[in-house]
Amino acid sequence: MFGNDAEFLLTLHRTHAAELRAEVSADRLARSVARDSGRGWLGRRQPATRTGDSRR
């Protein structure tokens, strides 16, 4: 279909390499961000609450 166009193949390779680098950097950033541990300010686990729950 495209034949043996070297410029097209090089562009395709560079685009794919850039996408892979972006994916790796996004994964690295996601791993570096601290996860919410579900602990309150006293260090104890807080029970899961529903959005409609309101304790008075």
C-alpha atoms as a PDB file:
ATOM      1  CA  MET A   1       0.000   0.000   0.000  1.00  0.00           C
ATOM      2  CA  PHE A   2       2.650   2.545   0.997  1.00  0.00           C
ATOM      3  CA  GLY A   3       5.526   0.830  -0.715  1.00  0.00           C
ATOM      4  CA  ASN A   4       8.991   1.357   0.687  1.00  0.00           C
ATOM      5  CA  ASP A   5       8.865   5.052   1.510  1.00  0.00           C
ATOM      6  CA  ALA A   6      11.789   5.563   3.895  1.00  0.00           C
ATOM      7  CA  GLU A   7      10.547   8.957   5.052  1.00  0.00           C
ATOM      8  CA  PHE A   8       7.147   7.489   5.983  1.00  0.00           C
ATOM      9  CA  LEU A   9       8.731   4.577   7.863  1.00  0.00           C
ATOM     10  CA  LEU A  10      11.043   6.912   9.760  1.00  0.00           C
ATOM     11  CA  THR A  11       8.134   9.174  10.705  1.00  0.00           C
ATOM     12  CA  LEU A  12       6.111   6.172  11.837  1.00  0.00           C
ATOM     13  CA  HIS A  13       9.021   4.924  13.950  1.00  0.00           C
ATOM     14  CA  ARG A  14       9.571   8.325  15.573  1.00  0.00           C
ATOM     15  CA  THR A  15       5.875   8.723  16.330  1.00  0.00           C
ATOM     16  CA  HIS A  16       5.685   5.288  17.898  1.00  0.00           C
ATOM     17  CA  ALA A  17       8.831   5.912  19.943  1.00  0.00           C
ATOM     18  CA  ALA A  18       7.414   9.227  21.186  1.00  0.00           C
ATOM     19  CA  GLU A  19       4.154   7.509  22.200  1.00  0.00           C
ATOM     20  CA  LEU A  20       6.078   4.837  24.095  1.00  0.00           C
ATOM     21  CA  ARG A  21       8.155   7.458  25.917  1.00  0.00           C
ATOM     22  CA  ALA A  22       5.002   9.377  26.881  1.00  0.00           C
ATOM     23  CA  GLU A  23       3.367   6.196  28.184  1.00  0.00           C
ATOM     24  CA  VAL A  24       6.435   5.278  30.242  1.00  0.00           C
ATOM     25  CA  SER A  25       6.680   8.761  31.743  1.00  0.00           C
ATOM     26  CA  ALA A  26       2.967   8.717  32.629  1.00  0.00           C
ATOM     27  CA  ASP A  27       3.403   5.344  34.358  1.00  0.00           C
ATOM     28  CA  ARG A  28       6.441   6.638  36.237  1.00  0.00           C
ATOM     29  CA  LEU A  29       4.516   9.727  37.364  1.00  0.00           C
ATOM     30  CA  ALA A  30       1.559   7.606  38.503  1.00  0.00           C
ATOM     31  CA  ARG A  31       3.883   5.422  40.584  1.00  0.00           C
ATOM     32  CA  SER A  32       5.602   8.424  42.161  1.00  0.00           C
ATOM     33  CA  VAL A  33       2.381  10.068  43.363  1.00  0.00           C
ATOM     34  CA  ALA A  34       1.481   9.036  46.910  1.00  0.00           C
ATOM     35  CA  ARG A  35      -1.677   7.004  47.154  1.00  0.00           C
ATOM     36  CA  ASP A  36      -4.440   7.875  49.586  1.00  0.00           C
ATOM     37  CA  SER A  37      -4.009   5.363  52.373  1.00  0.00           C
ATOM     38  CA  GLY A  38      -7.460   5.920  53.862  1.00  0.00           C
ATOM     39  CA  ARG A  39      -6.037   7.008  57.200  1.00  0.00           C
ATOM     40  CA  GLY A  40      -7.244  10.003  59.131  1.00  0.00           C
ATOM     41  CA  TRP A  41      -5.186  12.594  60.939  1.00  0.00           C
ATOM     42  CA  LEU A  42      -4.792  10.273  63.942  1.00  0.00           C
ATOM     43  CA  GLY A  43      -3.330   7.546  61.778  1.00  0.00           C
ATOM     44  CA  ARG A  44      -6.310   5.257  62.190  1.00  0.00           C
ATOM     45  CA  ARG A  45      -8.251   3.776  59.328  1.00  0.00           C
ATOM     46  CA  GLN A  46     -11.507   5.537  58.645  1.00  0.00           C
ATOM     47  CA  PRO A  47     -14.557   3.449  57.733  1.00  0.00           C
ATOM     48  CA  ALA A  48     -15.759   3.807  54.165  1.00  0.00           C
ATOM     49  CA  THR A  49     -18.692   6.191  53.970  1.00  0.00           C
ATOM     50  CA  ARG A  50     -21.249   6.628  51.274  1.00  0.00           C
ATOM     51  CA  THR A  51     -21.852  10.025  49.709  1.00  0.00           C
ATOM     52  CA  GLY A  52     -25.403  10.172  51.147  1.00  0.00           C
ATOM     53  CA  ASP A  53     -24.288   9.475  54.719  1.00  0.00           C
ATOM     54  CA  SER A  54     -24.215  12.428  57.065  1.00  0.00           C
ATOM     55  CA  ARG A  55     -23.479  11.899  60.711  1.00  0.00           C
ATOM     56  CA  ARG A  56     -24.753  14.473  63.111  1.00  0.00           C
END
